[in-house]
PDB file of N, CA and C in Angstrom:
ATOM      1  N   MET A   1     -87.759   3.968  59.899  1.00  0.00           N
ATOM      2  CA  MET A   1     -87.772   3.107  61.056  1.00  0.00           C
ATOM      3  C   MET A   1     -88.273   1.731  60.607  1.00  0.00           C
ATOM      4  N   ARG A   2     -87.621   0.705  61.060  1.00  0.00           N
ATOM      5  CA  ARG A   2     -88.042  -0.647  60.720  1.00  0.00           C
ATOM      6  C   ARG A   2     -89.339  -0.984  61.444  1.00  0.00           C
ATOM      7  N   PRO A   3     -90.185  -1.806  60.846  1.00  0.00           N
ATOM      8  CA  PRO A   3     -91.458  -2.139  61.491  1.00  0.00           C
ATOM      9  C   PRO A   3     -91.281  -2.806  62.857  1.00  0.00           C
ATOM     10  N   GLU A   4     -90.241  -3.635  63.012  1.00  0.00           N
ATOM     11  CA  GLU A   4     -90.024  -4.292  64.306  1.00  0.00           C
ATOM     12  C   GLU A   4     -89.739  -3.260  65.394  1.00  0.00           C
ATOM     13  N   ASN A   5     -88.941  -2.273  65.059  1.00  0.00           N
ATOM     14  CA  ASN A   5     -88.634  -1.241  66.038  1.00  0.00           C
ATOM     15  C   ASN A   5     -89.880  -0.447  66.413  1.00  0.00           C
ATOM     16  N   PHE A   6     -90.756  -0.194  65.448  1.00  0.00           N
ATOM     17  CA  PHE A   6     -91.995   0.518  65.728  1.00  0.00           C
ATOM     18  C   PHE A   6     -92.881  -0.304  66.665  1.00  0.00           C
ATOM     19  N   ILE A   7     -92.958  -1.600  66.437  1.00  0.00           N
ATOM     20  CA  ILE A   7     -93.757  -2.478  67.304  1.00  0.00           C
ATOM     21  C   ILE A   7     -93.175  -2.489  68.712  1.00  0.00           C
ATOM     22  N   PHE A   8     -91.858  -2.597  68.836  1.00  0.00           N
ATOM     23  CA  PHE A   8     -91.232  -2.600  70.161  1.00  0.00           C
ATOM     24  C   PHE A   8     -91.472  -1.281  70.878  1.00  0.00           C
ATOM     25  N   PHE A   9     -91.387  -0.184  70.131  1.00  0.00           N
ATOM     26  CA  PHE A   9     -91.610   1.137  70.725  1.00  0.00           C
ATOM     27  C   PHE A   9     -93.035   1.265  71.248  1.00  0.00           C
ATOM     28  N   LEU A  10     -94.007   0.864  70.433  1.00  0.00           N
ATOM     29  CA  LEU A  10     -95.397   0.961  70.882  1.00  0.00           C
ATOM     30  C   LEU A  10     -95.676   0.029  72.060  1.00  0.00           C
ATOM     31  N   SER A  11     -95.055  -1.140  72.081  1.00  0.00           N
ATOM     32  CA  SER A  11     -95.255  -2.053  73.213  1.00  0.00           C
ATOM     33  C   SER A  11     -94.721  -1.441  74.497  1.00  0.00           C
ATOM     34  N   SER A  12     -93.550  -0.837  74.439  1.00  0.00           N
ATOM     35  CA  SER A  12     -93.001  -0.225  75.655  1.00  0.00           C
ATOM     36  C   SER A  12     -93.832   0.994  76.071  1.00  0.00           C
ATOM     37  N   CYS A  13     -94.356   1.750  75.098  1.00  0.00           N
ATOM     38  CA  CYS A  13     -95.252   2.869  75.442  1.00  0.00           C
ATOM     39  C   CYS A  13     -96.502   2.352  76.125  1.00  0.00           C
ATOM     40  N   GLY A  14     -97.069   1.267  75.608  1.00  0.00           N
ATOM     41  CA  GLY A  14     -98.244   0.671  76.228  1.00  0.00           C
ATOM     42  C   GLY A  14     -97.974   0.189  77.645  1.00  0.00           C
ATOM     43  N   PHE A  15     -96.783  -0.357  77.874  1.00  0.00           N
ATOM     44  CA  PHE A  15     -96.411  -0.805  79.219  1.00  0.00           C
ATOM     45  C   PHE A  15     -96.411   0.365  80.198  1.00  0.00           C
ATOM     46  N   PHE A  16     -95.765   1.450  79.824  1.00  0.00           N
ATOM     47  CA  PHE A  16     -95.686   2.589  80.736  1.00  0.00           C
ATOM     48  C   PHE A  16     -97.032   3.297  80.899  1.00  0.00           C
ATOM     49  N   ILE A  17     -97.831   3.363  79.853  1.00  0.00           N
ATOM     50  CA  ILE A  17     -99.165   3.948  79.975  1.00  0.00           C
ATOM     51  C   ILE A  17    -100.031   3.061  80.867  1.00  0.00           C
ATOM     52  N   GLY A  18     -99.881   1.756  80.750  1.00  0.00           N
ATOM     53  CA  GLY A  18    -100.609   0.829  81.631  1.00  0.00           C
ATOM     54  C   GLY A  18    -100.238   1.027  83.086  1.00  0.00           C
ATOM     55  N   ILE A  19     -98.960   1.231  83.365  1.00  0.00           N
ATOM     56  CA  ILE A  19     -98.541   1.494  84.745  1.00  0.00           C
ATOM     57  C   ILE A  19     -99.165   2.787  85.245  1.00  0.00           C
ATOM     58  N   ILE A  20     -99.156   3.819  84.417  1.00  0.00           N
ATOM     59  CA  ILE A  20     -99.719   5.111  84.833  1.00  0.00           C
ATOM     60  C   ILE A  20    -101.216   4.982  85.108  1.00  0.00           C
ATOM     61  N   PHE A  21    -101.969   4.338  84.205  1.00  0.00           N
ATOM     62  CA  PHE A  21    -103.400   4.168  84.427  1.00  0.00           C
ATOM     63  C   PHE A  21    -103.675   3.248  85.607  1.00  0.00           C
ATOM     64  N   GLY A  22    -102.852   2.245  85.812  1.00  0.00           N
ATOM     65  CA  GLY A  22    -103.028   1.353  86.965  1.00  0.00           C
ATOM     66  C   GLY A  22    -102.840   2.075  88.278  1.00  0.00           C
ATOM     67  N   VAL A  23    -101.874   2.970  88.328  1.00  0.00           N
ATOM     68  CA  VAL A  23    -101.632   3.738  89.552  1.00  0.00           C
ATOM     69  C   VAL A  23    -102.745   4.763  89.758  1.00  0.00           C
ATOM     70  N   LEU A  24    -103.211   5.378  88.681  1.00  0.00           N
ATOM     71  CA  LEU A  24    -104.259   6.391  88.811  1.00  0.00           C
ATOM     72  C   LEU A  24    -105.609   5.770  89.164  1.00  0.00           C
ATOM     73  N   ALA A  25    -105.926   4.596  88.599  1.00  0.00           N
ATOM     74  CA  ALA A  25    -107.222   3.971  88.836  1.00  0.00           C
ATOM     75  C   ALA A  25    -107.327   3.445  90.268  1.00  0.00           C
ATOM     76  N   ASP A  26    -106.469   2.555  90.635  1.00  0.00           N
ATOM     77  CA  ASP A  26    -106.399   2.056  92.012  1.00  0.00           C
ATOM     78  C   ASP A  26    -104.982   1.580  92.270  1.00  0.00           C
ATOM     79  N   PHE A  27    -104.582   1.697  93.474  1.00  0.00           N
ATOM     80  CA  PHE A  27    -103.193   1.418  93.816  1.00  0.00           C
ATOM     81  C   PHE A  27    -102.987  -0.030  94.260  1.00  0.00           C
ATOM     82  N   GLU A  28    -103.880  -0.929  93.853  1.00  0.00           N
ATOM     83  CA  GLU A  28    -103.744  -2.340  94.209  1.00  0.00           C
ATOM     84  C   GLU A  28    -102.800  -3.019  93.215  1.00  0.00           C
ATOM     85  N   PRO A  29    -101.989  -3.953  93.676  1.00  0.00           N
ATOM     86  CA  PRO A  29    -101.011  -4.593  92.785  1.00  0.00           C
ATOM     87  C   PRO A  29    -101.655  -5.328  91.608  1.00  0.00           C
ATOM     88  N   MET A  30    -102.755  -6.027  91.831  1.00  0.00           N
ATOM     89  CA  MET A  30    -103.378  -6.769  90.729  1.00  0.00           C
ATOM     90  C   MET A  30    -103.988  -5.821  89.701  1.00  0.00           C
ATOM     91  N   GLY A  31    -104.507  -4.700  90.155  1.00  0.00           N
ATOM     92  CA  GLY A  31    -105.059  -3.712  89.217  1.00  0.00           C
ATOM     93  C   GLY A  31    -103.973  -3.116  88.338  1.00  0.00           C
ATOM     94  N   ILE A  32    -102.809  -2.847  88.939  1.00  0.00           N
ATOM     95  CA  ILE A  32    -101.680  -2.310  88.169  1.00  0.00           C
ATOM     96  C   ILE A  32    -101.203  -3.334  87.151  1.00  0.00           C
ATOM     97  N   ILE A  33    -101.100  -4.601  87.571  1.00  0.00           N
ATOM     98  CA  ILE A  33    -100.634  -5.653  86.655  1.00  0.00           C
ATOM     99  C   ILE A  33    -101.636  -5.857  85.522  1.00  0.00           C
ATOM    100  N   TYR A  34    -102.937  -5.873  85.866  1.00  0.00           N
ATOM    101  CA  TYR A  34    -103.962  -6.059  84.832  1.00  0.00           C
ATOM    102  C   TYR A  34    -103.951  -4.921  83.815  1.00  0.00           C
ATOM    103  N   SER A  35    -103.935  -3.692  84.313  1.00  0.00           N
ATOM    104  CA  SER A  35    -103.952  -2.562  83.373  1.00  0.00           C
ATOM    105  C   SER A  35    -102.668  -2.508  82.548  1.00  0.00           C
ATOM    106  N   CYS A  36    -101.570  -2.859  83.170  1.00  0.00           N
ATOM    107  CA  CYS A  36    -100.294  -2.869  82.438  1.00  0.00           C
ATOM    108  C   CYS A  36    -100.326  -3.909  81.319  1.00  0.00           C
ATOM    109  N   ALA A  37    -100.821  -5.113  81.626  1.00  0.00           N
ATOM    110  CA  ALA A  37    -100.897  -6.170  80.618  1.00  0.00           C
ATOM    111  C   ALA A  37    -101.897  -5.800  79.522  1.00  0.00           C
ATOM    112  N   ALA A  38    -103.035  -5.221  79.911  1.00  0.00           N
ATOM    113  CA  ALA A  38    -104.060  -4.877  78.925  1.00  0.00           C
ATOM    114  C   ALA A  38    -103.564  -3.789  77.971  1.00  0.00           C
ATOM    115  N   PHE A  39    -102.954  -2.744  78.502  1.00  0.00           N
ATOM    116  CA  PHE A  39    -102.481  -1.664  77.644  1.00  0.00           C
ATOM    117  C   PHE A  39    -101.305  -2.118  76.778  1.00  0.00           C
ATOM    118  N   THR A  40    -100.441  -2.949  77.332  1.00  0.00           N
ATOM    119  CA  THR A  40     -99.323  -3.458  76.542  1.00  0.00           C
ATOM    120  C   THR A  40     -99.830  -4.299  75.379  1.00  0.00           C
ATOM    121  N   ALA A  41    -100.808  -5.165  75.646  1.00  0.00           N
ATOM    122  CA  ALA A  41    -101.373  -5.993  74.574  1.00  0.00           C
ATOM    123  C   ALA A  41    -102.088  -5.124  73.535  1.00  0.00           C
ATOM    124  N   LEU A  42    -102.836  -4.127  73.984  1.00  0.00           N
ATOM    125  CA  LEU A  42    -103.534  -3.242  73.062  1.00  0.00           C
ATOM    126  C   LEU A  42    -102.552  -2.494  72.163  1.00  0.00           C
ATOM    127  N   PHE A  43    -101.520  -1.924  72.749  1.00  0.00           N
ATOM    128  CA  PHE A  43    -100.541  -1.186  71.953  1.00  0.00           C
ATOM    129  C   PHE A  43     -99.733  -2.121  71.059  1.00  0.00           C
ATOM    130  N   TYR A  44     -99.512  -3.363  71.514  1.00  0.00           N
ATOM    131  CA  TYR A  44     -98.820  -4.345  70.682  1.00  0.00           C
ATOM    132  C   TYR A  44     -99.652  -4.655  69.434  1.00  0.00           C
ATOM    133  N   MET A  45    -100.953  -4.837  69.615  1.00  0.00           N
ATOM    134  CA  MET A  45    -101.830  -5.106  68.470  1.00  0.00           C
ATOM    135  C   MET A  45    -101.879  -3.913  67.518  1.00  0.00           C
ATOM    136  N   ILE A  46    -101.928  -2.717  68.065  1.00  0.00           N
ATOM    137  CA  ILE A  46    -101.910  -1.524  67.211  1.00  0.00           C
ATOM    138  C   ILE A  46    -100.597  -1.462  66.428  1.00  0.00           C
ATOM    139  N   GLY A  47     -99.493  -1.765  67.087  1.00  0.00           N
ATOM    140  CA  GLY A  47     -98.193  -1.768  66.410  1.00  0.00           C
ATOM    141  C   GLY A  47     -98.112  -2.827  65.325  1.00  0.00           C
ATOM    142  N   LEU A  48     -98.670  -4.030  65.589  1.00  0.00           N
ATOM    143  CA  LEU A  48     -98.677  -5.076  64.566  1.00  0.00           C
ATOM    144  C   LEU A  48     -99.488  -4.658  63.346  1.00  0.00           C
ATOM    145  N   CYS A  49    -100.649  -4.068  63.576  1.00  0.00           N
ATOM    146  CA  CYS A  49    -101.487  -3.624  62.445  1.00  0.00           C
ATOM    147  C   CYS A  49    -100.779  -2.523  61.655  1.00  0.00           C
ATOM    148  N   ALA A  50    -100.210  -1.568  62.363  1.00  0.00           N
ATOM    149  CA  ALA A  50     -99.518  -0.473  61.677  1.00  0.00           C
ATOM    150  C   ALA A  50     -98.314  -0.993  60.901  1.00  0.00           C
ATOM    151  N   GLY A  51     -97.559  -1.917  61.489  1.00  0.00           N
ATOM    152  CA  GLY A  51     -96.408  -2.504  60.795  1.00  0.00           C
ATOM    153  C   GLY A  51     -96.822  -3.301  59.570  1.00  0.00           C
ATOM    154  N   ALA A  52     -97.939  -4.039  59.683  1.00  0.00           N
ATOM    155  CA  ALA A  52     -98.421  -4.821  58.542  1.00  0.00           C
ATOM    156  C   ALA A  52     -98.871  -3.914  57.413  1.00  0.00           C
ATOM    157  N   PHE A  53     -99.589  -2.844  57.734  1.00  0.00           N
ATOM    158  CA  PHE A  53    -100.012  -1.918  56.694  1.00  0.00           C
ATOM    159  C   PHE A  53     -98.817  -1.203  56.073  1.00  0.00           C
ATOM    160  N   PHE A  54     -97.825  -0.905  56.879  1.00  0.00           N
ATOM    161  CA  PHE A  54     -96.622  -0.252  56.352  1.00  0.00           C
ATOM    162  C   PHE A  54     -95.893  -1.165  55.380  1.00  0.00           C
ATOM    163  N   ILE A  55     -95.724  -2.425  55.752  1.00  0.00           N
ATOM    164  CA  ILE A  55     -95.020  -3.367  54.879  1.00  0.00           C
ATOM    165  C   ILE A  55     -95.815  -3.602  53.598  1.00  0.00           C
ATOM    166  N   ARG A  56     -97.138  -3.666  53.731  1.00  0.00           N
ATOM    167  CA  ARG A  56     -97.961  -3.901  52.543  1.00  0.00           C
ATOM    168  C   ARG A  56     -97.933  -2.701  51.601  1.00  0.00           C
ATOM    169  N   ALA A  57     -97.917  -1.504  52.162  1.00  0.00           N
ATOM    170  CA  ALA A  57     -97.955  -0.295  51.330  1.00  0.00           C
ATOM    171  C   ALA A  57     -96.590   0.063  50.767  1.00  0.00           C
ATOM    172  N   LEU A  58     -95.523  -0.475  51.338  1.00  0.00           N
ATOM    173  CA  LEU A  58     -94.176  -0.131  50.904  1.00  0.00           C
ATOM    174  C   LEU A  58     -93.849  -0.839  49.602  1.00  0.00           C
ATOM    175  N   ASP A  59     -93.395  -0.083  48.632  1.00  0.00           N
ATOM    176  CA  ASP A  59     -92.954  -0.652  47.371  1.00  0.00           C
ATOM    177  C   ASP A  59     -91.467  -0.951  47.502  1.00  0.00           C
ATOM    178  N   ILE A  60     -91.151  -2.208  47.737  1.00  0.00           N
ATOM    179  CA  ILE A  60     -89.772  -2.585  48.051  1.00  0.00           C
ATOM    180  C   ILE A  60     -88.846  -2.336  46.869  1.00  0.00           C
ATOM    181  N   LYS A  61     -89.291  -2.596  45.667  1.00  0.00           N
ATOM    182  CA  LYS A  61     -88.427  -2.396  44.500  1.00  0.00           C
ATOM    183  C   LYS A  61     -88.063  -0.927  44.328  1.00  0.00           C
ATOM    184  N   ALA A  62     -89.020  -0.048  44.573  1.00  0.00           N
ATOM    185  CA  ALA A  62     -88.728   1.382  44.434  1.00  0.00           C
ATOM    186  C   ALA A  62     -87.844   1.874  45.568  1.00  0.00           C
ATOM    187  N   ALA A  63     -87.961   1.271  46.718  1.00  0.00           N
ATOM    188  CA  ALA A  63     -87.193   1.733  47.870  1.00  0.00           C
ATOM    189  C   ALA A  63     -85.744   1.251  47.823  1.00  0.00           C
ATOM    190  N   TYR A  64     -85.489   0.116  47.207  1.00  0.00           N
ATOM    191  CA  TYR A  64     -84.152  -0.461  47.266  1.00  0.00           C
ATOM    192  C   TYR A  64     -83.438  -0.528  45.926  1.00  0.00           C
ATOM    193  N   THR A  65     -83.914   0.161  44.908  1.00  0.00           N
ATOM    194  CA  THR A  65     -83.194   0.180  43.638  1.00  0.00           C
ATOM    195  C   THR A  65     -82.176   1.313  43.658  1.00  0.00           C
ATOM    196  N   ILE A  66     -81.043   1.063  43.031  1.00  0.00           N
ATOM    197  CA  ILE A  66     -80.007   2.082  42.961  1.00  0.00           C
ATOM    198  C   ILE A  66     -79.656   2.323  41.496  1.00  0.00           C
ATOM    199  N   ASP A  67     -79.131   3.482  41.244  1.00  0.00           N
ATOM    200  CA  ASP A  67     -78.696   3.831  39.897  1.00  0.00           C
ATOM    201  C   ASP A  67     -77.263   3.335  39.735  1.00  0.00           C
ATOM    202  N   SER A  68     -77.128   2.133  39.239  1.00  0.00           N
ATOM    203  CA  SER A  68     -75.812   1.501  39.171  1.00  0.00           C
ATOM    204  C   SER A  68     -74.884   2.209  38.192  1.00  0.00           C
ATOM    205  N   GLU A  69     -75.405   2.743  37.111  1.00  0.00           N
ATOM    206  CA  GLU A  69     -74.565   3.445  36.139  1.00  0.00           C
ATOM    207  C   GLU A  69     -73.876   4.649  36.786  1.00  0.00           C
ATOM    208  N   TYR A  70     -74.617   5.404  37.565  1.00  0.00           N
ATOM    209  CA  TYR A  70     -74.056   6.584  38.225  1.00  0.00           C
ATOM    210  C   TYR A  70     -72.936   6.185  39.186  1.00  0.00           C
ATOM    211  N   TYR A  71     -73.195   5.178  40.003  1.00  0.00           N
ATOM    212  CA  TYR A  71     -72.185   4.772  40.977  1.00  0.00           C
ATOM    213  C   TYR A  71     -70.968   4.140  40.308  1.00  0.00           C
ATOM    214  N   GLU A  72     -71.175   3.423  39.218  1.00  0.00           N
ATOM    215  CA  GLU A  72     -70.034   2.846  38.510  1.00  0.00           C
ATOM    216  C   GLU A  72     -69.146   3.932  37.918  1.00  0.00           C
ATOM    217  N   THR A  73     -69.754   4.960  37.334  1.00  0.00           N
ATOM    218  CA  THR A  73     -68.935   6.051  36.783  1.00  0.00           C
ATOM    219  C   THR A  73     -68.215   6.808  37.893  1.00  0.00           C
ATOM    220  N   GLN A  74     -68.879   7.025  39.015  1.00  0.00           N
ATOM    221  CA  GLN A  74     -68.223   7.705  40.135  1.00  0.00           C
ATOM    222  C   GLN A  74     -67.056   6.874  40.669  1.00  0.00           C
ATOM    223  N   LEU A  75     -67.246   5.566  40.759  1.00  0.00           N
ATOM    224  CA  LEU A  75     -66.161   4.700  41.233  1.00  0.00           C
ATOM    225  C   LEU A  75     -65.004   4.654  40.238  1.00  0.00           C
ATOM    226  N   ASP A  76     -65.307   4.671  38.953  1.00  0.00           N
ATOM    227  CA  ASP A  76     -64.244   4.703  37.945  1.00  0.00           C
ATOM    228  C   ASP A  76     -63.439   5.998  38.039  1.00  0.00           C
ATOM    229  N   LYS A  77     -64.137   7.111  38.238  1.00  0.00           N
ATOM    230  CA  LYS A  77     -63.437   8.392  38.396  1.00  0.00           C
ATOM    231  C   LYS A  77     -62.553   8.375  39.643  1.00  0.00           C
ATOM    232  N   ALA A  78     -63.077   7.834  40.726  1.00  0.00           N
ATOM    233  CA  ALA A  78     -62.298   7.781  41.964  1.00  0.00           C
ATOM    234  C   ALA A  78     -61.078   6.883  41.795  1.00  0.00           C
ATOM    235  N   ARG A  79     -61.247   5.755  41.085  1.00  0.00           N
ATOM    236  CA  ARG A  79     -60.113   4.861  40.866  1.00  0.00           C
ATOM    237  C   ARG A  79     -59.040   5.531  40.015  1.00  0.00           C
ATOM    238  N   ALA A  80     -59.454   6.287  39.010  1.00  0.00           N
ATOM    239  CA  ALA A  80     -58.492   7.000  38.166  1.00  0.00           C
ATOM    240  C   ALA A  80     -57.733   8.050  38.975  1.00  0.00           C
ATOM    241  N   GLN A  81     -58.428   8.742  39.860  1.00  0.00           N
ATOM    242  CA  GLN A  81     -57.755   9.736  40.714  1.00  0.00           C
ATOM    243  C   GLN A  81     -56.755   9.062  41.643  1.00  0.00           C
ATOM    244  N   ILE A  82     -57.140   7.929  42.200  1.00  0.00           N
ATOM    245  CA  ILE A  82     -56.228   7.209  43.101  1.00  0.00           C
ATOM    246  C   ILE A  82     -54.998   6.738  42.343  1.00  0.00           C
ATOM    247  N   GLU A  83     -55.183   6.247  41.126  1.00  0.00           N
ATOM    248  CA  GLU A  83     -54.029   5.802  40.338  1.00  0.00           C
ATOM    249  C   GLU A  83     -53.094   6.962  40.020  1.00  0.00           C
ATOM    250  N   ARG A  84     -53.651   8.141  39.689  1.00  0.00           N
ATOM    251  CA  ARG A  84     -52.803   9.315  39.443  1.00  0.00           C
ATOM    252  C   ARG A  84     -52.034   9.701  40.701  1.00  0.00           C
ATOM    253  N   ARG A  85     -52.687   9.645  41.836  1.00  0.00           N
ATOM    254  CA  ARG A  85     -52.003   9.990  43.089  1.00  0.00           C
ATOM    255  C   ARG A  85     -50.899   8.991  43.408  1.00  0.00           C
ATOM    256  N   GLU A  86     -51.139   7.715  43.105  1.00  0.00           N
ATOM    257  CA  GLU A  86     -50.095   6.707  43.322  1.00  0.00           C
ATOM    258  C   GLU A  86     -48.880   6.992  42.456  1.00  0.00           C
ATOM    259  N   VAL A  87     -49.104   7.379  41.207  1.00  0.00           N
ATOM    260  CA  VAL A  87     -47.989   7.711  40.305  1.00  0.00           C
ATOM    261  C   VAL A  87     -47.215   8.903  40.866  1.00  0.00           C
ATOM    262  N   ASN A  88     -47.931   9.930  41.332  1.00  0.00           N
ATOM    263  CA  ASN A  88     -47.261  11.094  41.919  1.00  0.00           C
ATOM    264  C   ASN A  88     -46.460  10.713  43.152  1.00  0.00           C
ATOM    265  N   ILE A  89     -47.008   9.840  43.974  1.00  0.00           N
ATOM    266  CA  ILE A  89     -46.295   9.410  45.185  1.00  0.00           C
ATOM    267  C   ILE A  89     -45.052   8.605  44.814  1.00  0.00           C
ATOM    268  N   ARG A  90     -45.164   7.726  43.823  1.00  0.00           N
ATOM    269  CA  ARG A  90     -43.990   6.958  43.388  1.00  0.00           C
ATOM    270  C   ARG A  90     -42.902   7.886  42.856  1.00  0.00           C
ATOM    271  N   ASP A  91     -43.281   8.872  42.045  1.00  0.00           N
ATOM    272  CA  ASP A  91     -42.300   9.835  41.530  1.00  0.00           C
ATOM    273  C   ASP A  91     -41.645  10.608  42.670  1.00  0.00           C
ATOM    274  N   ALA A  92     -42.423  11.005  43.652  1.00  0.00           N
ATOM    275  CA  ALA A  92     -41.870  11.756  44.779  1.00  0.00           C
ATOM    276  C   ALA A  92     -40.913  10.887  45.596  1.00  0.00           C
ATOM    277  N   THR A  93     -41.261   9.632  45.820  1.00  0.00           N
ATOM    278  CA  THR A  93     -40.354   8.763  46.584  1.00  0.00           C
ATOM    279  C   THR A  93     -39.069   8.488  45.811  1.00  0.00           C
ATOM    280  N   ARG A  94     -39.162   8.313  44.485  1.00  0.00           N
ATOM    281  CA  ARG A  94     -37.935   8.146  43.687  1.00  0.00           C
ATOM    282  C   ARG A  94     -37.049   9.380  43.788  1.00  0.00           C
ATOM    283  N   PHE A  95     -37.654  10.557  43.688  1.00  0.00           N
ATOM    284  CA  PHE A  95     -36.896  11.801  43.798  1.00  0.00           C
ATOM    285  C   PHE A  95     -36.219  11.896  45.161  1.00  0.00           C
ATOM    286  N   ILE A  96     -36.938  11.543  46.202  1.00  0.00           N
ATOM    287  CA  ILE A  96     -36.358  11.607  47.557  1.00  0.00           C
ATOM    288  C   ILE A  96     -35.217  10.610  47.699  1.00  0.00           C
ATOM    289  N   ARG A  97     -35.360   9.397  47.155  1.00  0.00           N
ATOM    290  CA  ARG A  97     -34.275   8.407  47.232  1.00  0.00           C
ATOM    291  C   ARG A  97     -33.029   8.891  46.503  1.00  0.00           C
ATOM    292  N   VAL A  98     -33.229   9.440  45.296  1.00  0.00           N
ATOM    293  CA  VAL A  98     -32.090   9.962  44.531  1.00  0.00           C
ATOM    294  C   VAL A  98     -31.434  11.102  45.291  1.00  0.00           C
ATOM    295  N   LEU A  99     -32.228  11.985  45.855  1.00  0.00           N
ATOM    296  CA  LEU A  99     -31.692  13.112  46.618  1.00  0.00           C
ATOM    297  C   LEU A  99     -30.927  12.629  47.847  1.00  0.00           C
ATOM    298  N   GLU A 100     -31.454  11.622  48.546  1.00  0.00           N
ATOM    299  CA  GLU A 100     -30.747  11.076  49.711  1.00  0.00           C
ATOM    300  C   GLU A 100     -29.434  10.430  49.299  1.00  0.00           C
ATOM    301  N   GLN A 101     -29.431   9.728  48.164  1.00  0.00           N
ATOM    302  CA  GLN A 101     -28.188   9.118  47.696  1.00  0.00           C
ATOM    303  C   GLN A 101     -27.156  10.187  47.335  1.00  0.00           C
ATOM    304  N   GLU A 102     -27.583  11.270  46.692  1.00  0.00           N
ATOM    305  CA  GLU A 102     -26.658  12.355  46.359  1.00  0.00           C
ATOM    306  C   GLU A 102     -26.111  13.002  47.626  1.00  0.00           C
ATOM    307  N   ILE A 103     -26.949  13.199  48.605  1.00  0.00           N
ATOM    308  CA  ILE A 103     -26.501  13.795  49.873  1.00  0.00           C
ATOM    309  C   ILE A 103     -25.520  12.859  50.565  1.00  0.00           C
ATOM    310  N   ALA A 104     -25.825  11.560  50.557  1.00  0.00           N
ATOM    311  CA  ALA A 104     -24.931  10.598  51.193  1.00  0.00           C
ATOM    312  C   ALA A 104     -23.583  10.555  50.479  1.00  0.00           C
ATOM    313  N   SER A 105     -23.588  10.596  49.159  1.00  0.00           N
ATOM    314  CA  SER A 105     -22.307  10.575  48.433  1.00  0.00           C
ATOM    315  C   SER A 105     -21.541  11.883  48.662  1.00  0.00           C
ATOM    316  N   ALA A 106     -22.230  13.009  48.759  1.00  0.00           N
ATOM    317  CA  ALA A 106     -21.556  14.284  49.031  1.00  0.00           C
ATOM    318  C   ALA A 106     -20.949  14.283  50.428  1.00  0.00           C
ATOM    319  N   VAL A 107     -21.651  13.738  51.390  1.00  0.00           N
ATOM    320  CA  VAL A 107     -21.126  13.663  52.756  1.00  0.00           C
ATOM    321  C   VAL A 107     -19.930  12.729  52.788  1.00  0.00           C
ATOM    322  N   GLN A 108     -20.013  11.633  52.041  1.00  0.00           N
ATOM    323  CA  GLN A 108     -18.904  10.681  52.006  1.00  0.00           C
ATOM    324  C   GLN A 108     -17.670  11.316  51.356  1.00  0.00           C
ATOM    325  N   LYS A 109     -17.833  12.086  50.295  1.00  0.00           N
ATOM    326  CA  LYS A 109     -16.719  12.761  49.658  1.00  0.00           C
ATOM    327  C   LYS A 109     -16.109  13.801  50.597  1.00  0.00           C
ATOM    328  N   ASP A 110     -16.985  14.490  51.312  1.00  0.00           N
ATOM    329  CA  ASP A 110     -16.499  15.499  52.253  1.00  0.00           C
ATOM    330  C   ASP A 110     -15.699  14.862  53.373  1.00  0.00           C
ATOM    331  N   GLU A 111     -16.123  13.707  53.859  1.00  0.00           N
ATOM    332  CA  GLU A 111     -15.398  13.015  54.922  1.00  0.00           C
ATOM    333  C   GLU A 111     -14.053  12.480  54.404  1.00  0.00           C
ATOM    334  N   THR A 112     -14.022  11.985  53.165  1.00  0.00           N
ATOM    335  CA  THR A 112     -12.751  11.504  52.618  1.00  0.00           C
ATOM    336  C   THR A 112     -11.793  12.651  52.386  1.00  0.00           C
ATOM    337  N   ASN A 113     -12.259  13.842  52.011  1.00  0.00           N
ATOM    338  CA  ASN A 113     -11.406  15.023  51.846  1.00  0.00           C
ATOM    339  C   ASN A 113     -10.837  15.471  53.200  1.00  0.00           C
ATOM    340  N   LYS A 114     -11.633  15.388  54.273  1.00  0.00           N
ATOM    341  CA  LYS A 114     -11.166  15.786  55.594  1.00  0.00           C
ATOM    342  C   LYS A 114     -10.111  14.810  56.117  1.00  0.00           C
ATOM    343  N   VAL A 115     -10.303  13.542  55.843  1.00  0.00           N
ATOM    344  CA  VAL A 115      -9.359  12.537  56.296  1.00  0.00           C
ATOM    345  C   VAL A 115      -8.046  12.683  55.537  1.00  0.00           C
ATOM    346  N   ALA A 116      -8.089  13.017  54.250  1.00  0.00           N
ATOM    347  CA  ALA A 116      -6.890  13.158  53.437  1.00  0.00           C
ATOM    348  C   ALA A 116      -6.067  14.361  53.878  1.00  0.00           C
ATOM    349  N   LEU A 117      -6.683  15.359  54.427  1.00  0.00           N
ATOM    350  CA  LEU A 117      -5.947  16.536  54.859  1.00  0.00           C
ATOM    351  C   LEU A 117      -5.296  16.241  56.151  1.00  0.00           C
TER     352      LEU A 117
END
């Protein structure tokens, strides 16, 4: 979870907890607004501290490094497979074209034989 999302989550939790405590303590509008603002600010500060400690403790280089050699070899293998499949598809389309031409010439010969009779 990103630190910003954690801060937003805690702020919204503080807002709703403030409403609940405001309603339970006294049902006056100013009391509800005060408790809501106080709890929201408190939870916001807790979220900021937690997010700051998380960012400070996070080792960014370890979290975002990738094994480029592994991915390059996997991509090379995938490219070779795709090239083989393209060759197979080209051979199949050539075969189909030749077969269609033979069928068309056979049909044409058959029609010329029928007309001659």
